[in-house]
Amino acid sequence: MDEFISHSSWMRDIADDARVVSLSIPGTHSSCSIGGILGFSRTQDLDLSDQLNAGIRFLDVRLSHYQNNLFVHHDVVHMGKSYADVLTICSNFLKQHPSETILMSVKDEGRWDSAFGKFAPSRVFGKSRGDPMNWVIRSISFEDAFKARTWERVEDPSLFYNLASPLPDDKSGNTNLTSKTTLGEVRGKIILLRRFEADHDIGFNLTYWPENMRFRSTTGLIYAVEDHWWDPGEDNKYDFMITHIEEARRRDPKDLYITFSSAVNMKARGYAKTINSRLSDYLAGSPQGRVGIIVMDYFEEPRELVSNVIKMNFATGESADHDHMYGNHSHQSGR
């Protein structure tokens, strides 16, 4: 049996005029954390390319800034990938599946190993990539490193929906996510959700993010997040999660809802084994309707979980009525 059910192009069946905030979107927590010391920082079994082919469309990418390069970390643990690797995987996927969009949350995770100097894992890994540019450009901030690494790697500036192009006459990316942004506008593109300090023209600002709680922002496009992650207890975690999902279902779909099903005590897998099954059963038994972004650990257990998130999409296009899931399908926009 395959490790996961393939949903490589599930967005092609959703109307172009469906608003992004009205969609039900499967995502992964600390998406690149498939390694780690003794599994303590591991949150996934499948690499990014498999995640995308399985239907994951929200990525939680956590980067550490070192020697003007950006490396994937989860807390203190280096995960053996660079930001450039992540961009390559996402760009290749969207070229092959132009009906899709990827919401990419990028967090400044900090870097714990600077005291090790030239023996720091991030530095050793970065030099082993054989990319001299990583060690020539001298940026002064995470923001500068992010822009430098992005435009060094990306061939087409329009890959990002909401990241301004560095080319003076190129106006792509001079937009941002709003409650009215439609799927048709973002097909074939990455929507950047920014969890690091930067100028206003770099992605959608998610820097307001209180730890280990449920919260709502107060300005612009409102985002509502449920993220009780530190050992809340299985029943409490389930109740936090379902309460937030039910609120997303009940409210007018003009806000961005993000619900983390992930939690940890020493390792993430313990919670995932029980919470994922309960979440899948809840979704399977629920009428269709917007649940927002559901962010998961070990999403392929059970195999139907991602399918059950995707099936919640219906009547999301402005032209669709409540008896039909789909509306206008003229998605010829690649990048």
Protein backbone atom coordinates (compact mmCIF):
# COMPACT_ATOMS: atom_id res chain seq x y z
CA MET A 1 0.00 0.00 0.00
CA ASP A 2 1.25 3.50 -0.84
CA GLU A 3 2.34 5.67 2.08
CA PHE A 4 -0.24 8.31 1.17
CA ILE A 5 -3.20 9.02 -1.08
CA SER A 6 -2.18 11.23 -3.99
CA HIS A 7 -3.85 14.64 -4.25
CA SER A 8 -1.31 16.38 -6.48
CA SER A 9 -3.85 18.63 -8.26
CA TRP A 10 -6.89 18.82 -5.98
CA MET A 11 -7.26 22.58 -6.37
CA ARG A 12 -7.99 22.30 -10.09
CA ASP A 13 -11.56 21.27 -9.20
CA ILE A 14 -12.22 24.39 -7.13
CA ALA A 15 -13.57 27.55 -8.71
CA ASP A 16 -11.21 30.34 -9.74
CA ASP A 17 -13.39 32.82 -7.84
CA ALA A 18 -13.14 30.88 -4.59
CA ARG A 19 -11.57 33.13 -1.98
CA VAL A 20 -8.40 31.75 -0.42
CA VAL A 21 -9.68 32.43 3.11
CA SER A 22 -12.79 30.34 2.35
CA LEU A 23 -10.84 27.17 1.57
CA SER A 24 -10.14 24.10 3.70
CA ILE A 25 -6.41 23.46 3.34
CA PRO A 26 -4.25 20.64 4.75
CA GLY A 27 -0.86 21.72 6.08
CA THR A 28 2.14 20.43 8.00
CA HIS A 29 3.75 21.69 11.18
CA SER A 30 7.52 22.25 10.93
CA SER A 31 7.25 20.78 7.45
CA CYS A 32 10.93 19.95 6.92
CA SER A 33 11.50 18.22 10.27
CA ILE A 34 12.01 14.66 9.10
CA GLY A 35 15.24 14.08 11.00
CA GLY A 36 16.54 15.25 14.33
CA ILE A 37 18.49 13.80 17.24
CA LEU A 38 16.75 10.65 18.49
CA GLY A 39 13.54 11.92 16.90
CA PHE A 40 13.00 14.68 19.46
CA SER A 41 12.46 17.38 16.82
CA ARG A 42 10.89 15.15 14.20
CA THR A 43 7.37 16.04 13.12
CA GLN A 44 7.04 14.39 9.68
CA ASP A 45 7.95 11.13 7.95
CA LEU A 46 7.58 12.36 4.36
CA ASP A 47 9.77 14.90 2.59
CA LEU A 48 8.37 18.08 1.04
CA SER A 49 7.88 16.69 -2.45
CA ASP A 50 5.80 13.81 -1.09
CA GLN A 51 3.86 16.18 1.14
CA LEU A 52 2.90 18.33 -1.83
CA ASN A 53 1.90 15.31 -3.90
CA ALA A 54 -0.21 14.11 -0.97
CA GLY A 55 -2.18 17.38 -1.05
CA ILE A 56 -0.43 19.49 1.57
CA ARG A 57 -0.73 23.17 0.58
CA PHE A 58 0.37 24.98 3.76
CA LEU A 59 4.05 24.66 4.65
CA ASP A 60 5.54 25.72 7.99
CA VAL A 61 9.17 26.49 7.11
CA ARG A 62 11.52 27.45 9.95
CA LEU A 63 14.86 28.93 9.03
CA SER A 64 18.05 29.84 10.87
CA HIS A 65 20.31 32.62 9.55
CA TYR A 66 24.02 31.81 9.48
CA GLN A 67 26.86 33.13 7.31
CA ASN A 68 24.20 34.94 5.27
CA ASN A 69 22.53 31.70 4.29
CA LEU A 70 19.28 30.23 5.61
CA PHE A 71 19.06 26.67 6.90
CA VAL A 72 16.05 24.67 8.03
CA HIS A 73 15.87 24.24 11.79
CA HIS A 74 13.33 23.09 14.33
CA ASP A 75 14.17 24.86 17.57
CA VAL A 76 17.84 23.98 18.16
CA VAL A 77 18.07 21.13 15.66
CA HIS A 78 19.44 21.57 12.13
CA MET A 79 17.42 19.53 9.63
CA GLY A 80 19.91 19.12 6.76
CA LYS A 81 18.12 21.37 4.25
CA SER A 82 18.60 24.94 3.12
CA TYR A 83 15.97 27.46 2.12
CA ALA A 84 17.22 27.05 -1.46
CA ASP A 85 16.26 23.35 -1.31
CA VAL A 86 12.75 24.26 -0.19
CA LEU A 87 12.36 26.81 -3.00
CA THR A 88 13.52 24.32 -5.62
CA ILE A 89 11.02 21.68 -4.49
CA CYS A 90 8.12 24.14 -4.40
CA SER A 91 8.98 25.77 -7.72
CA ASN A 92 9.28 22.42 -9.49
CA PHE A 93 5.98 21.24 -8.03
CA LEU A 94 4.11 24.35 -9.17
CA LYS A 95 5.58 24.09 -12.67
CA GLN A 96 4.17 20.56 -12.89
CA HIS A 97 0.86 21.47 -11.19
CA PRO A 98 -0.06 25.05 -12.19
CA SER A 99 -3.59 24.70 -10.80
CA GLU A 100 -2.21 24.66 -7.25
CA THR A 101 -0.99 27.28 -4.80
CA ILE A 102 1.29 26.90 -1.77
CA LEU A 103 0.89 28.97 1.37
CA MET A 104 4.40 29.11 2.83
CA SER A 105 4.85 30.33 6.38
CA VAL A 106 8.50 31.35 6.93
CA LYS A 107 9.66 31.78 10.53
CA ASP A 108 12.96 33.11 11.81
CA GLU A 109 13.87 30.21 14.08
CA GLY A 110 17.17 31.65 15.26
CA ARG A 111 20.38 29.62 15.33
CA TRP A 112 21.75 27.84 18.35
CA ASP A 113 25.15 26.62 17.14
CA SER A 114 27.09 29.86 16.47
CA ALA A 115 29.34 29.17 19.48
CA PHE A 116 30.82 26.22 17.59
CA GLY A 117 32.35 28.53 14.97
CA LYS A 118 33.62 26.68 11.91
CA PHE A 119 32.43 23.37 13.35
CA ALA A 120 28.80 24.50 13.63
CA PRO A 121 26.50 22.05 11.77
CA SER A 122 24.85 24.88 9.83
CA ARG A 123 28.21 26.15 8.60
CA VAL A 124 29.56 22.69 7.74
CA PHE A 125 26.36 21.83 5.87
CA GLY A 126 26.29 25.16 4.05
CA LYS A 127 29.85 24.86 2.77
CA SER A 128 29.24 21.30 1.68
CA ARG A 129 26.60 22.60 -0.72
CA GLY A 130 29.42 23.97 -2.90
CA ASP A 131 27.66 27.28 -3.41
CA PRO A 132 30.27 30.02 -3.02
CA MET A 133 27.60 32.73 -3.13
CA ASN A 134 26.43 31.54 0.28
CA TRP A 135 29.68 32.79 1.75
CA VAL A 136 30.27 35.94 -0.30
CA ILE A 137 27.09 37.96 0.18
CA ARG A 138 27.18 39.83 3.50
CA SER A 139 23.69 40.65 4.66
CA ILE A 140 22.91 42.41 7.91
CA SER A 141 19.57 40.83 8.73
CA PHE A 142 17.37 37.79 8.25
CA GLU A 143 15.28 39.89 5.87
CA ASP A 144 18.26 40.68 3.64
CA ALA A 145 19.38 37.05 3.63
CA PHE A 146 15.85 35.95 2.74
CA LYS A 147 15.65 38.32 -0.23
CA ALA A 148 19.16 37.47 -1.42
CA ARG A 149 18.61 33.71 -1.25
CA THR A 150 15.16 34.00 -2.86
CA TRP A 151 16.16 36.01 -5.90
CA GLU A 152 19.39 34.06 -6.33
CA ARG A 153 17.37 30.84 -6.65
CA VAL A 154 14.10 31.92 -8.29
CA GLU A 155 14.13 32.28 -12.08
CA ASP A 156 10.64 33.79 -12.40
CA PRO A 157 9.87 36.66 -9.99
CA SER A 158 6.15 35.96 -10.35
CA LEU A 159 6.60 32.67 -8.45
CA PHE A 160 5.66 34.62 -5.31
CA TYR A 161 2.21 36.20 -5.23
CA ASN A 162 3.13 38.74 -2.55
CA LEU A 163 6.88 39.32 -2.64
CA ALA A 164 7.93 42.35 -4.66
CA SER A 165 10.23 41.60 -7.59
CA PRO A 166 13.78 42.99 -7.38
CA LEU A 167 13.56 44.07 -11.04
CA PRO A 168 12.74 47.80 -11.31
CA ASP A 169 10.18 47.45 -14.12
CA ASP A 170 8.58 44.24 -12.85
CA LYS A 171 5.41 44.88 -10.84
CA SER A 172 4.79 41.24 -9.92
CA GLY A 173 4.46 40.57 -6.23
CA ASN A 174 3.23 44.12 -5.48
CA THR A 175 0.03 42.72 -4.01
CA ASN A 176 -0.82 41.05 -0.74
CA LEU A 177 -3.23 38.54 0.68
CA THR A 178 -6.63 39.99 1.57
CA SER A 179 -10.05 38.59 2.38
CA LYS A 180 -10.92 38.99 -1.32
CA THR A 181 -7.87 37.25 -2.84
CA THR A 182 -9.12 34.45 -5.09
CA LEU A 183 -7.66 31.09 -5.96
CA GLY A 184 -7.52 32.13 -9.61
CA GLU A 185 -5.12 34.95 -8.70
CA VAL A 186 -2.67 32.67 -6.89
CA ARG A 187 -2.62 29.49 -8.95
CA GLY A 188 0.93 28.45 -9.73
CA LYS A 189 2.28 30.78 -7.04
CA ILE A 190 3.58 30.80 -3.48
CA ILE A 191 1.71 32.95 -0.96
CA LEU A 192 4.30 34.09 1.59
CA LEU A 193 3.17 34.22 5.21
CA ARG A 194 5.93 36.08 7.04
CA ARG A 195 6.92 35.27 10.63
CA PHE A 196 10.01 37.49 10.67
CA GLU A 197 10.50 41.23 10.93
CA ALA A 198 10.70 42.90 7.52
CA ASP A 199 9.33 45.67 5.32
CA HIS A 200 5.63 45.72 4.54
CA ASP A 201 6.15 44.58 0.91
CA ILE A 202 7.49 41.19 2.00
CA GLY A 203 4.62 38.75 2.32
CA PHE A 204 1.60 38.75 4.62
CA ASN A 205 2.63 39.78 8.13
CA LEU A 206 2.17 37.02 10.74
CA THR A 207 4.74 38.34 13.20
CA TYR A 208 2.14 38.79 15.94
CA TRP A 209 2.18 35.24 17.28
CA PRO A 210 1.81 34.70 21.05
CA GLU A 211 3.22 31.37 22.18
CA ASN A 212 1.16 28.33 23.11
CA MET A 213 -2.33 29.81 22.93
CA ARG A 214 -5.32 30.70 20.80
CA PHE A 215 -5.35 34.25 19.46
CA ARG A 216 -6.66 36.67 16.82
CA SER A 217 -4.94 39.57 15.12
CA THR A 218 -6.70 42.93 15.09
CA THR A 219 -5.77 44.82 11.91
CA GLY A 220 -5.93 44.25 8.16
CA LEU A 221 -6.85 40.72 7.12
CA ILE A 222 -7.65 39.14 10.48
CA TYR A 223 -5.97 35.82 11.17
CA ALA A 224 -7.17 33.51 13.93
CA VAL A 225 -4.81 30.83 15.23
CA GLU A 226 -5.20 27.88 17.59
CA ASP A 227 -1.73 26.72 18.68
CA HIS A 228 -1.76 25.11 22.11
CA TRP A 229 1.27 22.92 21.53
CA TRP A 230 3.04 22.25 24.81
CA ASP A 231 1.63 19.04 26.33
CA PRO A 232 -1.97 20.25 26.74
CA GLY A 233 -3.33 16.74 27.31
CA GLU A 234 -5.06 14.75 24.58
CA ASP A 235 -8.64 15.68 25.47
CA ASN A 236 -7.82 19.35 25.99
CA LYS A 237 -5.92 19.48 22.70
CA TYR A 238 -8.83 17.91 20.85
CA ASP A 239 -11.30 20.34 22.45
CA PHE A 240 -9.10 23.38 21.64
CA MET A 241 -8.82 22.22 18.04
CA ILE A 242 -12.48 21.38 17.42
CA THR A 243 -13.70 24.57 19.10
CA HIS A 244 -11.54 26.59 16.71
CA ILE A 245 -12.60 24.59 13.66
CA GLU A 246 -16.26 25.00 14.58
CA GLU A 247 -15.72 28.75 14.88
CA ALA A 248 -14.18 28.75 11.39
CA ARG A 249 -17.20 26.85 10.07
CA ARG A 250 -19.67 29.19 11.79
CA ARG A 251 -18.17 32.59 10.95
CA ASP A 252 -18.41 34.46 7.68
CA PRO A 253 -15.33 33.35 5.70
CA LYS A 254 -13.52 36.68 5.60
CA ASP A 255 -10.79 35.86 8.15
CA LEU A 256 -7.85 33.47 7.79
CA TYR A 257 -8.21 30.51 10.16
CA ILE A 258 -5.19 28.37 11.09
CA THR A 259 -5.63 25.42 13.45
CA PHE A 260 -2.65 23.38 14.63
CA SER A 261 -3.52 19.79 15.48
CA SER A 262 0.10 19.28 16.52
CA ALA A 263 1.31 19.11 20.12
CA VAL A 264 4.30 17.67 21.94
CA ASN A 265 5.59 16.56 25.31
CA MET A 266 8.93 14.94 24.50
CA LYS A 267 8.04 13.87 20.95
CA ALA A 268 5.30 14.83 18.52
CA ARG A 269 4.30 11.34 17.40
CA GLY A 270 2.48 10.45 20.60
CA TYR A 271 -0.09 13.20 20.17
CA ALA A 272 -0.34 12.65 16.42
CA LYS A 273 -1.26 8.99 16.80
CA THR A 274 -4.40 9.81 18.76
CA ILE A 275 -5.33 13.34 17.68
CA ASN A 276 -5.04 12.62 13.94
CA SER A 277 -7.48 9.71 14.12
CA ARG A 278 -10.00 11.72 16.15
CA LEU A 279 -9.68 14.68 13.76
CA SER A 280 -10.13 12.46 10.72
CA ASP A 281 -13.27 10.90 12.22
CA TYR A 282 -14.67 14.34 13.09
CA LEU A 283 -14.14 15.62 9.53
CA ALA A 284 -15.51 12.44 7.95
CA GLY A 285 -18.70 12.81 9.95
CA SER A 286 -19.12 16.56 9.40
CA PRO A 287 -21.08 18.36 6.68
CA GLN A 288 -18.96 20.16 4.11
CA GLY A 289 -17.90 23.73 4.82
CA ARG A 290 -14.87 25.91 5.49
CA VAL A 291 -12.53 24.66 8.23
CA GLY A 292 -9.55 26.81 7.25
CA ILE A 293 -5.94 25.64 7.34
CA ILE A 294 -5.37 22.48 9.41
CA VAL A 295 -1.69 22.07 10.35
CA MET A 296 -0.64 18.51 11.23
CA ASP A 297 2.19 16.27 12.35
CA TYR A 298 2.55 12.88 10.62
CA PHE A 299 -0.44 13.68 8.42
CA GLU A 300 -0.38 10.34 6.59
CA GLU A 301 -1.62 8.55 9.73
CA PRO A 302 -4.48 7.77 9.10
CA ARG A 303 -4.29 7.75 5.30
CA GLU A 304 -7.71 9.40 4.90
CA LEU A 305 -6.92 12.47 6.99
CA VAL A 306 -5.81 14.77 4.17
CA SER A 307 -8.67 13.54 1.98
CA ASN A 308 -11.11 14.43 4.75
CA VAL A 309 -9.73 17.97 5.00
CA ILE A 310 -9.93 18.47 1.22
CA LYS A 311 -13.51 17.20 1.00
CA MET A 312 -14.67 20.02 3.26
CA ASN A 313 -14.36 22.41 0.30
CA PHE A 314 -17.71 23.17 -1.28
CA ALA A 315 -19.57 26.21 -2.60
CA THR A 316 -16.43 28.26 -2.07
CA GLY A 317 -16.67 30.11 -5.39
CA GLU A 318 -18.74 33.27 -5.46
CA SER A 319 -20.48 31.87 -8.51
CA ALA A 320 -21.27 28.52 -6.89
CA ASP A 321 -24.44 27.75 -4.99
CA HIS A 322 -24.78 25.43 -2.01
CA ASP A 323 -25.70 22.44 -4.17
CA HIS A 324 -22.39 22.50 -6.05
CA MET A 325 -18.79 22.35 -4.96
CA TYR A 326 -17.39 23.96 -8.05
CA GLY A 327 -17.87 27.12 -10.07
CA ASN A 328 -15.75 28.90 -12.71
CA HIS A 329 -12.75 26.78 -13.73
CA SER A 330 -10.76 28.86 -16.19
CA HIS A 331 -7.44 28.23 -14.41
CA GLN A 332 -5.04 28.80 -17.25
CA SER A 333 -2.77 30.95 -15.08
CA GLY A 334 0.53 29.25 -14.40
CA ARG A 335 3.18 31.63 -13.13
